[in-house]
Amino acid sequence: MKFSKFVKSLAPDGGAIYEYMDERWLASPSVLMLIPDGIRSVTGYSNEKMPDGIGRLISQVGCTEYATLVKAIMPEPDGAIKDCVRIFATQDSTMTFPITNDDWSLIEKSDFCEILYAYDLESDKSVPKALLVKQYAKYPDDEDQLVGIIFPCEYTEQLNFHTIKEV
């Protein structure tokens, strides 16, 4: 993920800095990003232990599906690019995940994404919780590295009358 761009987006106050399993994470309201090795100084308004709920998200194993960007939607036809909603989906399209254009711009081409989900027994469906951004392992025996967590934006699929083709 683009760490420098993320830091600049947080303005002068910075974000919350959390520690979890000997790693430091920088947080905004919608994104958590791993502070890369070698970064010594980051401006933050707090330095504390990672909240339990987010720690469970990071350590959760096996409840992920590979996801790719499938579409970009402009909620308003005359809206600005910052209003664009990016939709990620699993390969079988059973789960989709909306994120803001600003959050999408933090993902590098070399990163890959997975949708983290929980299974709802009542509805018998998978419920997407977060978009995990990972970097491929550098060496064959290493694991892929989680470098960011993006939370969904508010978005309801709407019919866009400007894209309907007349028959």
N, C-alpha and C. Protein backbone atom coordinates (compact mmCIF):
# COMPACT_ATOMS: atom_id res chain seq x y z
N MET A 1 0.84 -1.18 0.00
CA MET A 1 0.00 0.00 0.00
C MET A 1 0.89 1.24 0.00
N LYS A 2 0.32 2.32 -0.41
CA LYS A 2 1.05 3.57 -0.55
C LYS A 2 1.07 4.31 0.79
N PHE A 3 2.07 4.00 1.61
CA PHE A 3 2.14 4.53 2.96
C PHE A 3 2.30 6.04 2.99
N SER A 4 3.19 6.58 2.18
CA SER A 4 3.43 8.04 2.17
C SER A 4 2.16 8.80 1.82
N LYS A 5 1.42 8.30 0.83
CA LYS A 5 0.17 8.94 0.42
C LYS A 5 -0.85 8.89 1.56
N PHE A 6 -0.89 7.76 2.26
CA PHE A 6 -1.81 7.60 3.38
C PHE A 6 -1.48 8.60 4.48
N VAL A 7 -0.21 8.74 4.82
CA VAL A 7 0.21 9.67 5.87
C VAL A 7 -0.19 11.10 5.49
N LYS A 8 0.04 11.49 4.23
CA LYS A 8 -0.32 12.84 3.78
C LYS A 8 -1.82 13.08 3.86
N SER A 9 -2.62 12.04 3.61
CA SER A 9 -4.07 12.19 3.64
C SER A 9 -4.61 12.43 5.05
N LEU A 10 -3.81 12.09 6.05
CA LEU A 10 -4.26 12.25 7.44
C LEU A 10 -4.08 13.66 7.97
N ALA A 11 -3.46 14.53 7.18
CA ALA A 11 -3.24 15.93 7.56
C ALA A 11 -2.26 16.04 8.72
N PRO A 12 -2.10 17.22 9.28
CA PRO A 12 -1.06 17.43 10.30
C PRO A 12 -1.24 16.64 11.59
N ASP A 13 -2.47 16.32 11.95
CA ASP A 13 -2.70 15.62 13.22
C ASP A 13 -2.32 14.15 13.16
N GLY A 14 -2.24 13.59 11.98
CA GLY A 14 -1.94 12.17 11.86
C GLY A 14 -3.13 11.32 12.24
N GLY A 15 -2.88 10.06 12.50
CA GLY A 15 -3.94 9.14 12.88
C GLY A 15 -3.57 8.45 14.18
N ALA A 16 -4.41 7.55 14.61
CA ALA A 16 -4.10 6.76 15.80
C ALA A 16 -3.04 5.73 15.43
N ILE A 17 -2.10 5.50 16.32
CA ILE A 17 -1.08 4.49 16.11
C ILE A 17 -1.36 3.36 17.09
N TYR A 18 -1.54 2.16 16.54
CA TYR A 18 -1.83 1.00 17.36
C TYR A 18 -0.68 0.00 17.28
N GLU A 19 -0.45 -0.72 18.37
CA GLU A 19 0.55 -1.77 18.38
C GLU A 19 -0.15 -3.11 18.53
N TYR A 20 0.30 -4.07 17.71
CA TYR A 20 -0.29 -5.41 17.75
C TYR A 20 0.77 -6.41 17.32
N MET A 21 1.08 -7.34 18.19
CA MET A 21 2.04 -8.41 17.90
C MET A 21 3.35 -7.85 17.32
N ASP A 22 3.93 -6.89 18.02
CA ASP A 22 5.22 -6.27 17.65
C ASP A 22 5.17 -5.53 16.31
N GLU A 23 4.00 -5.17 15.84
CA GLU A 23 3.87 -4.37 14.63
C GLU A 23 3.11 -3.10 14.99
N ARG A 24 3.39 -2.04 14.24
CA ARG A 24 2.70 -0.77 14.46
C ARG A 24 1.79 -0.50 13.26
N TRP A 25 0.58 -0.03 13.54
CA TRP A 25 -0.43 0.25 12.53
C TRP A 25 -0.89 1.70 12.67
N LEU A 26 -1.06 2.37 11.54
CA LEU A 26 -1.58 3.73 11.51
C LEU A 26 -3.03 3.66 11.06
N ALA A 27 -3.91 4.36 11.76
CA ALA A 27 -5.35 4.24 11.49
C ALA A 27 -5.99 5.57 11.13
N SER A 28 -6.92 5.48 10.18
CA SER A 28 -7.84 6.57 9.86
C SER A 28 -9.23 6.00 10.13
N PRO A 29 -10.29 6.76 9.93
CA PRO A 29 -11.62 6.18 10.18
C PRO A 29 -11.95 4.96 9.32
N SER A 30 -11.39 4.86 8.11
CA SER A 30 -11.78 3.75 7.23
C SER A 30 -10.63 2.81 6.85
N VAL A 31 -9.39 3.13 7.25
CA VAL A 31 -8.24 2.33 6.83
C VAL A 31 -7.28 2.12 8.00
N LEU A 32 -6.74 0.91 8.09
CA LEU A 32 -5.62 0.61 8.97
C LEU A 32 -4.47 0.20 8.06
N MET A 33 -3.29 0.80 8.25
CA MET A 33 -2.16 0.45 7.40
C MET A 33 -0.96 0.12 8.27
N LEU A 34 -0.30 -0.98 7.93
CA LEU A 34 0.91 -1.39 8.63
C LEU A 34 1.99 -0.35 8.40
N ILE A 35 2.63 0.10 9.46
CA ILE A 35 3.74 1.03 9.32
C ILE A 35 4.95 0.21 8.89
N PRO A 36 5.50 0.49 7.71
CA PRO A 36 6.59 -0.34 7.18
C PRO A 36 7.84 -0.31 8.06
N ASP A 37 8.61 -1.39 8.00
CA ASP A 37 9.90 -1.42 8.69
C ASP A 37 10.75 -0.28 8.17
N GLY A 38 11.53 0.33 9.04
CA GLY A 38 12.40 1.42 8.62
C GLY A 38 11.79 2.79 8.83
N ILE A 39 10.48 2.87 9.01
CA ILE A 39 9.83 4.16 9.29
C ILE A 39 9.97 4.39 10.79
N ARG A 40 10.65 5.44 11.16
CA ARG A 40 10.93 5.68 12.57
C ARG A 40 9.98 6.69 13.20
N SER A 41 9.51 7.64 12.40
CA SER A 41 8.71 8.71 12.97
C SER A 41 7.42 8.89 12.17
N VAL A 42 6.31 8.78 12.87
CA VAL A 42 5.00 9.01 12.28
C VAL A 42 4.20 9.85 13.26
N THR A 43 3.54 10.89 12.76
CA THR A 43 2.74 11.75 13.63
C THR A 43 1.41 11.07 13.91
N GLY A 44 1.09 10.96 15.18
CA GLY A 44 -0.17 10.35 15.57
C GLY A 44 -0.70 11.03 16.82
N TYR A 45 -2.01 11.00 16.98
CA TYR A 45 -2.60 11.63 18.15
C TYR A 45 -2.72 10.68 19.33
N SER A 46 -2.41 9.39 19.11
CA SER A 46 -2.39 8.44 20.22
C SER A 46 -1.48 7.28 19.85
N ASN A 47 -0.97 6.63 20.87
CA ASN A 47 -0.14 5.44 20.67
C ASN A 47 -0.61 4.43 21.71
N GLU A 48 -1.36 3.45 21.27
CA GLU A 48 -1.98 2.53 22.22
C GLU A 48 -2.06 1.12 21.65
N LYS A 49 -2.53 0.22 22.50
CA LYS A 49 -2.72 -1.17 22.09
C LYS A 49 -3.88 -1.25 21.10
N MET A 50 -3.76 -2.16 20.14
CA MET A 50 -4.81 -2.35 19.14
C MET A 50 -6.12 -2.76 19.83
N PRO A 51 -7.25 -2.14 19.46
CA PRO A 51 -8.54 -2.58 20.02
C PRO A 51 -8.76 -4.07 19.75
N ASP A 52 -9.36 -4.76 20.70
CA ASP A 52 -9.54 -6.22 20.60
C ASP A 52 -10.25 -6.65 19.32
N GLY A 53 -11.29 -5.93 18.93
CA GLY A 53 -12.05 -6.32 17.73
C GLY A 53 -11.20 -6.28 16.48
N ILE A 54 -10.35 -5.28 16.36
CA ILE A 54 -9.49 -5.18 15.18
C ILE A 54 -8.37 -6.21 15.26
N GLY A 55 -7.86 -6.47 16.45
CA GLY A 55 -6.86 -7.52 16.62
C GLY A 55 -7.39 -8.87 16.19
N ARG A 56 -8.65 -9.14 16.50
CA ARG A 56 -9.26 -10.40 16.05
C ARG A 56 -9.37 -10.44 14.53
N LEU A 57 -9.66 -9.30 13.91
CA LEU A 57 -9.72 -9.24 12.44
C LEU A 57 -8.37 -9.62 11.83
N ILE A 58 -7.30 -9.05 12.37
CA ILE A 58 -5.97 -9.29 11.84
C ILE A 58 -5.56 -10.75 12.00
N SER A 59 -5.90 -11.34 13.14
CA SER A 59 -5.46 -12.71 13.40
C SER A 59 -6.41 -13.78 12.87
N GLN A 60 -7.54 -13.39 12.33
CA GLN A 60 -8.52 -14.35 11.83
C GLN A 60 -7.94 -15.12 10.64
N VAL A 61 -8.06 -16.42 10.69
CA VAL A 61 -7.46 -17.27 9.65
C VAL A 61 -8.56 -18.02 8.90
N GLY A 62 -8.42 -18.10 7.60
CA GLY A 62 -9.28 -18.98 6.82
C GLY A 62 -10.60 -18.41 6.35
N CYS A 63 -11.01 -17.27 6.86
CA CYS A 63 -12.29 -16.70 6.46
C CYS A 63 -12.09 -15.58 5.45
N THR A 64 -11.32 -15.86 4.42
CA THR A 64 -11.07 -14.86 3.39
C THR A 64 -11.26 -15.47 2.01
N GLU A 65 -11.60 -14.62 1.07
CA GLU A 65 -11.73 -15.02 -0.34
C GLU A 65 -11.00 -13.98 -1.18
N TYR A 66 -10.25 -14.44 -2.17
CA TYR A 66 -9.54 -13.55 -3.09
C TYR A 66 -10.57 -12.66 -3.78
N ALA A 67 -10.24 -11.37 -3.93
CA ALA A 67 -11.17 -10.42 -4.54
C ALA A 67 -10.44 -9.49 -5.51
N THR A 68 -11.15 -9.09 -6.54
CA THR A 68 -10.59 -8.14 -7.51
C THR A 68 -11.58 -6.99 -7.71
N LEU A 69 -11.05 -5.89 -8.22
CA LEU A 69 -11.89 -4.75 -8.56
C LEU A 69 -12.74 -5.12 -9.76
N VAL A 70 -14.06 -5.03 -9.63
CA VAL A 70 -14.94 -5.41 -10.74
C VAL A 70 -15.65 -4.23 -11.39
N LYS A 71 -15.85 -3.15 -10.62
CA LYS A 71 -16.48 -1.98 -11.23
C LYS A 71 -16.26 -0.75 -10.38
N ALA A 72 -16.44 0.38 -11.04
CA ALA A 72 -16.40 1.68 -10.38
C ALA A 72 -17.71 2.37 -10.70
N ILE A 73 -18.35 2.92 -9.68
CA ILE A 73 -19.67 3.49 -9.86
C ILE A 73 -19.67 4.95 -9.41
N MET A 74 -20.26 5.78 -10.23
CA MET A 74 -20.47 7.18 -9.87
C MET A 74 -21.90 7.29 -9.35
N PRO A 75 -22.10 7.50 -8.05
CA PRO A 75 -23.46 7.60 -7.52
C PRO A 75 -24.28 8.72 -8.15
N GLU A 76 -23.62 9.81 -8.51
CA GLU A 76 -24.28 10.93 -9.18
C GLU A 76 -23.63 11.11 -10.55
N PRO A 77 -24.41 11.24 -11.62
CA PRO A 77 -23.83 11.36 -12.97
C PRO A 77 -22.86 12.53 -13.12
N ASP A 78 -23.10 13.62 -12.41
CA ASP A 78 -22.22 14.78 -12.53
C ASP A 78 -21.29 14.93 -11.32
N GLY A 79 -21.08 13.84 -10.58
CA GLY A 79 -20.23 13.88 -9.40
C GLY A 79 -18.75 13.95 -9.75
N ALA A 80 -17.93 14.27 -8.77
CA ALA A 80 -16.48 14.32 -8.93
C ALA A 80 -15.91 12.92 -8.72
N ILE A 81 -14.67 12.72 -9.17
CA ILE A 81 -14.05 11.40 -9.05
C ILE A 81 -13.92 10.97 -7.59
N LYS A 82 -13.82 11.91 -6.68
CA LYS A 82 -13.74 11.55 -5.26
C LYS A 82 -15.02 10.88 -4.77
N ASP A 83 -16.12 11.05 -5.48
CA ASP A 83 -17.39 10.43 -5.11
C ASP A 83 -17.52 9.00 -5.62
N CYS A 84 -16.59 8.58 -6.46
CA CYS A 84 -16.64 7.26 -7.07
C CYS A 84 -16.54 6.16 -6.01
N VAL A 85 -17.34 5.13 -6.17
CA VAL A 85 -17.31 3.97 -5.28
C VAL A 85 -16.72 2.81 -6.06
N ARG A 86 -15.69 2.19 -5.51
CA ARG A 86 -15.04 1.04 -6.15
C ARG A 86 -15.59 -0.24 -5.53
N ILE A 87 -15.98 -1.18 -6.39
CA ILE A 87 -16.59 -2.42 -5.93
C ILE A 87 -15.63 -3.58 -6.18
N PHE A 88 -15.26 -4.28 -5.12
CA PHE A 88 -14.47 -5.50 -5.22
C PHE A 88 -15.42 -6.68 -5.08
N ALA A 89 -15.09 -7.79 -5.74
CA ALA A 89 -15.93 -8.98 -5.66
C ALA A 89 -15.06 -10.23 -5.68
N THR A 90 -15.62 -11.30 -5.12
CA THR A 90 -14.94 -12.59 -5.17
C THR A 90 -15.06 -13.14 -6.59
N GLN A 91 -14.29 -14.17 -6.90
CA GLN A 91 -14.29 -14.72 -8.26
C GLN A 91 -15.66 -15.23 -8.67
N ASP A 92 -16.42 -15.78 -7.73
CA ASP A 92 -17.75 -16.28 -8.08
C ASP A 92 -18.84 -15.22 -7.86
N SER A 93 -18.44 -14.01 -7.51
CA SER A 93 -19.34 -12.87 -7.30
C SER A 93 -20.37 -13.07 -6.20
N THR A 94 -20.11 -13.98 -5.27
CA THR A 94 -21.05 -14.18 -4.17
C THR A 94 -20.92 -13.11 -3.09
N MET A 95 -19.77 -12.45 -3.05
CA MET A 95 -19.57 -11.37 -2.09
C MET A 95 -19.01 -10.15 -2.82
N THR A 96 -19.56 -8.99 -2.48
CA THR A 96 -19.04 -7.73 -3.01
C THR A 96 -18.68 -6.83 -1.84
N PHE A 97 -17.80 -5.86 -2.13
CA PHE A 97 -17.31 -5.00 -1.06
C PHE A 97 -17.05 -3.60 -1.61
N PRO A 98 -17.80 -2.57 -1.17
CA PRO A 98 -17.61 -1.21 -1.67
C PRO A 98 -16.59 -0.43 -0.83
N ILE A 99 -15.70 0.31 -1.51
CA ILE A 99 -14.77 1.20 -0.81
C ILE A 99 -14.76 2.55 -1.52
N THR A 100 -14.29 3.56 -0.82
CA THR A 100 -14.23 4.90 -1.42
C THR A 100 -13.08 4.98 -2.42
N ASN A 101 -13.16 5.95 -3.29
CA ASN A 101 -12.09 6.16 -4.27
C ASN A 101 -10.78 6.51 -3.57
N ASP A 102 -10.85 7.30 -2.50
CA ASP A 102 -9.64 7.66 -1.75
C ASP A 102 -8.97 6.43 -1.17
N ASP A 103 -9.75 5.51 -0.62
CA ASP A 103 -9.17 4.28 -0.06
C ASP A 103 -8.61 3.40 -1.17
N TRP A 104 -9.30 3.32 -2.29
CA TRP A 104 -8.83 2.52 -3.42
C TRP A 104 -7.48 3.03 -3.93
N SER A 105 -7.28 4.35 -3.91
CA SER A 105 -6.03 4.91 -4.43
C SER A 105 -4.82 4.54 -3.59
N LEU A 106 -5.02 3.97 -2.41
CA LEU A 106 -3.90 3.55 -1.56
C LEU A 106 -3.38 2.16 -1.93
N ILE A 107 -4.13 1.41 -2.73
CA ILE A 107 -3.74 0.04 -3.09
C ILE A 107 -2.77 0.11 -4.26
N GLU A 108 -1.63 -0.56 -4.12
CA GLU A 108 -0.63 -0.58 -5.19
C GLU A 108 -0.94 -1.71 -6.17
N LYS A 109 -0.42 -1.58 -7.39
CA LYS A 109 -0.63 -2.61 -8.41
C LYS A 109 -0.06 -3.96 -7.99
N SER A 110 1.00 -3.94 -7.19
CA SER A 110 1.63 -5.19 -6.76
C SER A 110 0.92 -5.84 -5.58
N ASP A 111 -0.05 -5.16 -4.98
CA ASP A 111 -0.83 -5.72 -3.87
C ASP A 111 -1.94 -6.62 -4.40
N PHE A 112 -2.44 -7.49 -3.55
CA PHE A 112 -3.65 -8.23 -3.89
C PHE A 112 -4.61 -8.12 -2.71
N CYS A 113 -5.88 -8.38 -2.98
CA CYS A 113 -6.91 -8.16 -1.96
C CYS A 113 -7.71 -9.43 -1.69
N GLU A 114 -8.18 -9.51 -0.46
CA GLU A 114 -9.08 -10.59 -0.04
C GLU A 114 -10.20 -9.97 0.77
N ILE A 115 -11.39 -10.52 0.62
CA ILE A 115 -12.51 -10.08 1.45
C ILE A 115 -12.53 -10.96 2.69
N LEU A 116 -12.47 -10.32 3.84
CA LEU A 116 -12.59 -11.02 5.12
C LEU A 116 -14.07 -11.08 5.45
N TYR A 117 -14.56 -12.26 5.77
CA TYR A 117 -15.99 -12.39 6.02
C TYR A 117 -16.27 -13.24 7.25
N ALA A 118 -17.47 -13.11 7.75
CA ALA A 118 -17.98 -13.95 8.82
C ALA A 118 -19.19 -14.68 8.26
N TYR A 119 -19.45 -15.85 8.77
CA TYR A 119 -20.60 -16.61 8.29
C TYR A 119 -21.77 -16.41 9.24
N ASP A 120 -22.89 -15.95 8.70
CA ASP A 120 -24.10 -15.71 9.49
C ASP A 120 -24.97 -16.96 9.43
N LEU A 121 -25.11 -17.63 10.56
CA LEU A 121 -25.88 -18.88 10.60
C LEU A 121 -27.37 -18.66 10.35
N GLU A 122 -27.90 -17.53 10.79
CA GLU A 122 -29.33 -17.27 10.62
C GLU A 122 -29.71 -17.11 9.15
N SER A 123 -28.92 -16.34 8.42
CA SER A 123 -29.24 -16.11 7.01
C SER A 123 -28.56 -17.12 6.09
N ASP A 124 -27.66 -17.92 6.66
CA ASP A 124 -26.92 -18.93 5.90
C ASP A 124 -26.10 -18.29 4.77
N LYS A 125 -25.50 -17.11 5.08
CA LYS A 125 -24.71 -16.39 4.08
C LYS A 125 -23.41 -15.88 4.68
N SER A 126 -22.46 -15.62 3.80
CA SER A 126 -21.20 -14.99 4.19
C SER A 126 -21.41 -13.49 4.21
N VAL A 127 -20.95 -12.84 5.28
CA VAL A 127 -21.12 -11.40 5.44
C VAL A 127 -19.74 -10.74 5.40
N PRO A 128 -19.46 -9.94 4.35
CA PRO A 128 -18.16 -9.27 4.25
C PRO A 128 -17.95 -8.27 5.39
N LYS A 129 -16.74 -8.28 5.97
CA LYS A 129 -16.42 -7.40 7.08
C LYS A 129 -15.36 -6.36 6.73
N ALA A 130 -14.35 -6.77 5.95
CA ALA A 130 -13.25 -5.85 5.62
C ALA A 130 -12.55 -6.34 4.36
N LEU A 131 -11.85 -5.42 3.71
CA LEU A 131 -11.02 -5.77 2.56
C LEU A 131 -9.58 -5.79 3.06
N LEU A 132 -8.95 -6.96 2.97
CA LEU A 132 -7.56 -7.10 3.40
C LEU A 132 -6.66 -6.85 2.21
N VAL A 133 -5.67 -6.00 2.39
CA VAL A 133 -4.70 -5.71 1.33
C VAL A 133 -3.40 -6.39 1.73
N LYS A 134 -2.88 -7.21 0.82
CA LYS A 134 -1.69 -8.01 1.14
C LYS A 134 -0.62 -7.84 0.08
N GLN A 135 0.62 -8.11 0.50
CA GLN A 135 1.75 -8.17 -0.42
C GLN A 135 2.17 -9.63 -0.52
N TYR A 136 2.54 -10.03 -1.74
CA TYR A 136 3.01 -11.40 -1.93
C TYR A 136 4.30 -11.62 -1.15
N ALA A 137 4.53 -12.86 -0.73
CA ALA A 137 5.74 -13.22 0.00
C ALA A 137 6.98 -12.94 -0.85
N LYS A 138 8.04 -12.49 -0.19
CA LYS A 138 9.28 -12.20 -0.91
C LYS A 138 10.08 -13.47 -1.18
N TYR A 139 9.96 -14.44 -0.29
CA TYR A 139 10.71 -15.69 -0.41
C TYR A 139 9.75 -16.87 -0.37
N PRO A 140 10.10 -17.99 -1.00
CA PRO A 140 9.18 -19.13 -1.09
C PRO A 140 8.65 -19.65 0.24
N ASP A 141 9.44 -19.60 1.30
CA ASP A 141 9.00 -20.14 2.58
C ASP A 141 8.23 -19.13 3.44
N ASP A 142 8.16 -17.88 2.98
CA ASP A 142 7.45 -16.85 3.73
C ASP A 142 5.96 -16.87 3.41
N GLU A 143 5.19 -16.21 4.26
CA GLU A 143 3.75 -16.05 4.01
C GLU A 143 3.50 -14.67 3.42
N ASP A 144 2.36 -14.51 2.76
CA ASP A 144 1.96 -13.20 2.27
C ASP A 144 1.80 -12.28 3.48
N GLN A 145 2.09 -10.99 3.29
CA GLN A 145 2.04 -10.05 4.41
C GLN A 145 0.83 -9.14 4.32
N LEU A 146 0.07 -9.10 5.40
CA LEU A 146 -1.06 -8.18 5.51
C LEU A 146 -0.50 -6.77 5.73
N VAL A 147 -0.81 -5.84 4.82
CA VAL A 147 -0.28 -4.48 4.93
C VAL A 147 -1.38 -3.44 5.14
N GLY A 148 -2.64 -3.83 4.95
CA GLY A 148 -3.71 -2.86 5.14
C GLY A 148 -5.06 -3.52 5.31
N ILE A 149 -5.94 -2.80 5.99
CA ILE A 149 -7.32 -3.23 6.17
C ILE A 149 -8.20 -2.04 5.81
N ILE A 150 -9.12 -2.26 4.89
CA ILE A 150 -10.03 -1.20 4.47
C ILE A 150 -11.45 -1.61 4.86
N PHE A 151 -12.16 -0.70 5.50
CA PHE A 151 -13.53 -0.96 5.91
C PHE A 151 -14.49 -0.42 4.85
N PRO A 152 -15.69 -0.99 4.75
CA PRO A 152 -16.60 -0.61 3.66
C PRO A 152 -17.13 0.81 3.81
N CYS A 153 -17.47 1.40 2.68
CA CYS A 153 -18.14 2.70 2.70
C CYS A 153 -19.64 2.46 2.61
N GLU A 154 -20.40 3.47 2.93
CA GLU A 154 -21.85 3.37 2.82
C GLU A 154 -22.21 3.46 1.35
N TYR A 155 -22.85 2.43 0.85
CA TYR A 155 -23.23 2.42 -0.55
C TYR A 155 -24.37 1.44 -0.73
N THR A 156 -25.41 1.87 -1.41
CA THR A 156 -26.52 1.00 -1.77
C THR A 156 -26.58 0.93 -3.28
N GLU A 157 -26.58 -0.29 -3.80
CA GLU A 157 -26.65 -0.46 -5.26
C GLU A 157 -27.91 0.21 -5.78
N GLN A 158 -27.73 1.09 -6.75
CA GLN A 158 -28.86 1.81 -7.32
C GLN A 158 -28.88 1.59 -8.82
N LEU A 159 -30.05 1.71 -9.37
CA LEU A 159 -30.18 1.61 -10.81
C LEU A 159 -29.76 2.95 -11.41
N ASN A 160 -28.79 2.90 -12.29
CA ASN A 160 -28.30 4.13 -12.92
C ASN A 160 -28.97 4.23 -14.29
N PHE A 161 -29.93 5.11 -14.40
CA PHE A 161 -30.70 5.22 -15.63
C PHE A 161 -29.87 5.69 -16.81
N HIS A 162 -28.71 6.24 -16.56
CA HIS A 162 -27.86 6.73 -17.65
C HIS A 162 -27.09 5.61 -18.34
N THR A 163 -27.08 4.42 -17.78
CA THR A 163 -26.33 3.32 -18.40
C THR A 163 -27.22 2.26 -19.02
N ILE A 164 -28.53 2.41 -18.92
CA ILE A 164 -29.44 1.42 -19.50
C ILE A 164 -29.49 1.59 -21.01
N LYS A 165 -29.35 0.49 -21.70
CA LYS A 165 -29.46 0.51 -23.17
C LYS A 165 -30.92 0.28 -23.54
N GLU A 166 -31.38 1.04 -24.49
CA GLU A 166 -32.75 0.83 -24.95
C GLU A 166 -32.76 -0.31 -25.94
N VAL A 167 -33.79 -1.13 -25.85
CA VAL A 167 -33.92 -2.28 -26.75
C VAL A 167 -34.76 -1.93 -27.94
